[in-house]
Amino acid sequence: MARTPRIGPRMMEAVAFVAHHEGCPILPVAEAVGPNGSRNYGYRTVHRAINAGLLDYTISSSTYALTVTDAGYRAIARGA
């Protein structure tokens, strides 16, 4: 049986940030959601959101371009 990923408040902050800035790279999202601008924690949060299926990415010229998935928009709508 597949486990449903837990969606925490920081993951939802990352999804909301990307929803307002479609196509942005990871760095500004990581700085926005990390405590006191912590990039390390922010990067881990963004990657958890990607692994949970809330965010998707494309890589162009060694830069991630983030987008919100349908699951991410559903999570925003229900206020997860």
C-alpha atoms as a PDB file:
ATOM      1  CA  MET A   1       0.000   0.000   0.000  1.00  0.00           C
ATOM      2  CA  ALA A   2       1.440   3.369  -1.034  1.00  0.00           C
ATOM      3  CA  ARG A   3       1.873   5.960   1.673  1.00  0.00           C
ATOM      4  CA  THR A   4       0.310   9.356   1.249  1.00  0.00           C
ATOM      5  CA  PRO A   5       2.978  12.014   1.707  1.00  0.00           C
ATOM      6  CA  ARG A   6       2.540  14.381   4.627  1.00  0.00           C
ATOM      7  CA  ILE A   7       2.150  17.938   3.433  1.00  0.00           C
ATOM      8  CA  GLY A   8       3.496  20.406   5.957  1.00  0.00           C
ATOM      9  CA  PRO A   9       3.092  24.170   6.124  1.00  0.00           C
ATOM     10  CA  ARG A  10       6.534  24.869   4.623  1.00  0.00           C
ATOM     11  CA  MET A  11       5.746  22.640   1.649  1.00  0.00           C
ATOM     12  CA  MET A  12       2.509  24.543   1.159  1.00  0.00           C
ATOM     13  CA  GLU A  13       4.439  27.835   1.343  1.00  0.00           C
ATOM     14  CA  ALA A  14       6.695  26.544  -1.438  1.00  0.00           C
ATOM     15  CA  VAL A  15       3.710  25.527  -3.573  1.00  0.00           C
ATOM     16  CA  ALA A  16       1.997  28.890  -3.021  1.00  0.00           C
ATOM     17  CA  PHE A  17       5.213  30.757  -3.898  1.00  0.00           C
ATOM     18  CA  VAL A  18       5.597  28.803  -7.136  1.00  0.00           C
ATOM     19  CA  ALA A  19       1.899  29.308  -7.953  1.00  0.00           C
ATOM     20  CA  HIS A  20       2.556  33.058  -7.912  1.00  0.00           C
ATOM     21  CA  HIS A  21       5.914  32.778  -9.720  1.00  0.00           C
ATOM     22  CA  GLU A  22       5.476  29.985 -12.310  1.00  0.00           C
ATOM     23  CA  GLY A  23       8.737  28.954 -13.936  1.00  0.00           C
ATOM     24  CA  CYS A  24      10.954  30.354 -11.176  1.00  0.00           C
ATOM     25  CA  PRO A  25      14.185  28.571 -10.206  1.00  0.00           C
ATOM     26  CA  ILE A  26      14.614  26.793  -6.871  1.00  0.00           C
ATOM     27  CA  LEU A  27      16.826  29.411  -5.174  1.00  0.00           C
ATOM     28  CA  PRO A  28      14.189  32.126  -4.575  1.00  0.00           C
ATOM     29  CA  VAL A  29      11.709  29.510  -3.353  1.00  0.00           C
ATOM     30  CA  ALA A  30      14.315  27.985  -1.028  1.00  0.00           C
ATOM     31  CA  GLU A  31      15.147  31.399   0.423  1.00  0.00           C
ATOM     32  CA  ALA A  32      11.459  32.266   0.831  1.00  0.00           C
ATOM     33  CA  VAL A  33      10.497  29.102   2.729  1.00  0.00           C
ATOM     34  CA  GLY A  34      13.680  28.475   4.707  1.00  0.00           C
ATOM     35  CA  PRO A  35      13.717  29.857   8.243  1.00  0.00           C
ATOM     36  CA  ASN A  36      15.649  33.125   8.241  1.00  0.00           C
ATOM     37  CA  GLY A  37      16.447  32.581   4.569  1.00  0.00           C
ATOM     38  CA  SER A  38      18.140  29.203   5.169  1.00  0.00           C
ATOM     39  CA  ARG A  39      18.860  27.824   1.719  1.00  0.00           C
ATOM     40  CA  ASN A  40      19.705  24.312   2.926  1.00  0.00           C
ATOM     41  CA  TYR A  41      16.375  23.829   4.714  1.00  0.00           C
ATOM     42  CA  GLY A  42      14.588  25.586   1.854  1.00  0.00           C
ATOM     43  CA  TYR A  43      16.114  23.300  -0.776  1.00  0.00           C
ATOM     44  CA  ARG A  44      15.099  20.223   1.206  1.00  0.00           C
ATOM     45  CA  THR A  45      11.556  21.596   1.513  1.00  0.00           C
ATOM     46  CA  VAL A  46      11.294  22.216  -2.240  1.00  0.00           C
ATOM     47  CA  HIS A  47      12.595  18.723  -3.023  1.00  0.00           C
ATOM     48  CA  ARG A  48      10.086  17.193  -0.599  1.00  0.00           C
ATOM     49  CA  ALA A  49       7.310  19.056  -2.442  1.00  0.00           C
ATOM     50  CA  ILE A  50       8.657  17.750  -5.766  1.00  0.00           C
ATOM     51  CA  ASN A  51       8.822  14.181  -4.419  1.00  0.00           C
ATOM     52  CA  ALA A  52       5.277  14.505  -3.041  1.00  0.00           C
ATOM     53  CA  GLY A  53       4.053  15.436  -6.521  1.00  0.00           C
ATOM     54  CA  LEU A  54       3.031  18.986  -5.610  1.00  0.00           C
ATOM     55  CA  LEU A  55       5.670  20.636  -7.794  1.00  0.00           C
ATOM     56  CA  ASP A  56       7.197  19.672 -11.103  1.00  0.00           C
ATOM     57  CA  TYR A  57      10.323  20.944 -12.788  1.00  0.00           C
ATOM     58  CA  THR A  58      12.057  21.205 -16.112  1.00  0.00           C
ATOM     59  CA  ILE A  59      15.779  21.757 -16.478  1.00  0.00           C
ATOM     60  CA  SER A  60      17.046  24.286 -18.974  1.00  0.00           C
ATOM     61  CA  SER A  61      20.666  25.422 -19.069  1.00  0.00           C
ATOM     62  CA  SER A  62      21.341  23.806 -15.649  1.00  0.00           C
ATOM     63  CA  THR A  63      18.497  25.726 -13.977  1.00  0.00           C
ATOM     64  CA  TYR A  64      15.286  24.246 -12.614  1.00  0.00           C
ATOM     65  CA  ALA A  65      12.052  25.892 -13.738  1.00  0.00           C
ATOM     66  CA  LEU A  66       9.356  25.011 -11.195  1.00  0.00           C
ATOM     67  CA  THR A  67       5.643  24.626 -11.886  1.00  0.00           C
ATOM     68  CA  VAL A  68       2.717  23.579  -9.709  1.00  0.00           C
ATOM     69  CA  THR A  69       1.097  20.246 -10.538  1.00  0.00           C
ATOM     70  CA  ASP A  70      -2.625  19.504 -10.440  1.00  0.00           C
ATOM     71  CA  ALA A  71      -2.073  17.850  -7.050  1.00  0.00           C
ATOM     72  CA  GLY A  72      -0.425  21.047  -5.847  1.00  0.00           C
ATOM     73  CA  TYR A  73      -3.378  23.163  -6.943  1.00  0.00           C
ATOM     74  CA  ARG A  74      -5.771  20.722  -5.244  1.00  0.00           C
ATOM     75  CA  ALA A  75      -3.738  20.980  -2.025  1.00  0.00           C
ATOM     76  CA  ILE A  76      -3.915  24.785  -2.202  1.00  0.00           C
ATOM     77  CA  ALA A  77      -7.682  24.634  -2.787  1.00  0.00           C
ATOM     78  CA  ARG A  78      -8.325  22.423   0.225  1.00  0.00           C
ATOM     79  CA  GLY A  79      -5.848  24.323   2.398  1.00  0.00           C
ATOM     80  CA  ALA A  80      -3.706  21.314   3.257  1.00  0.00           C
END
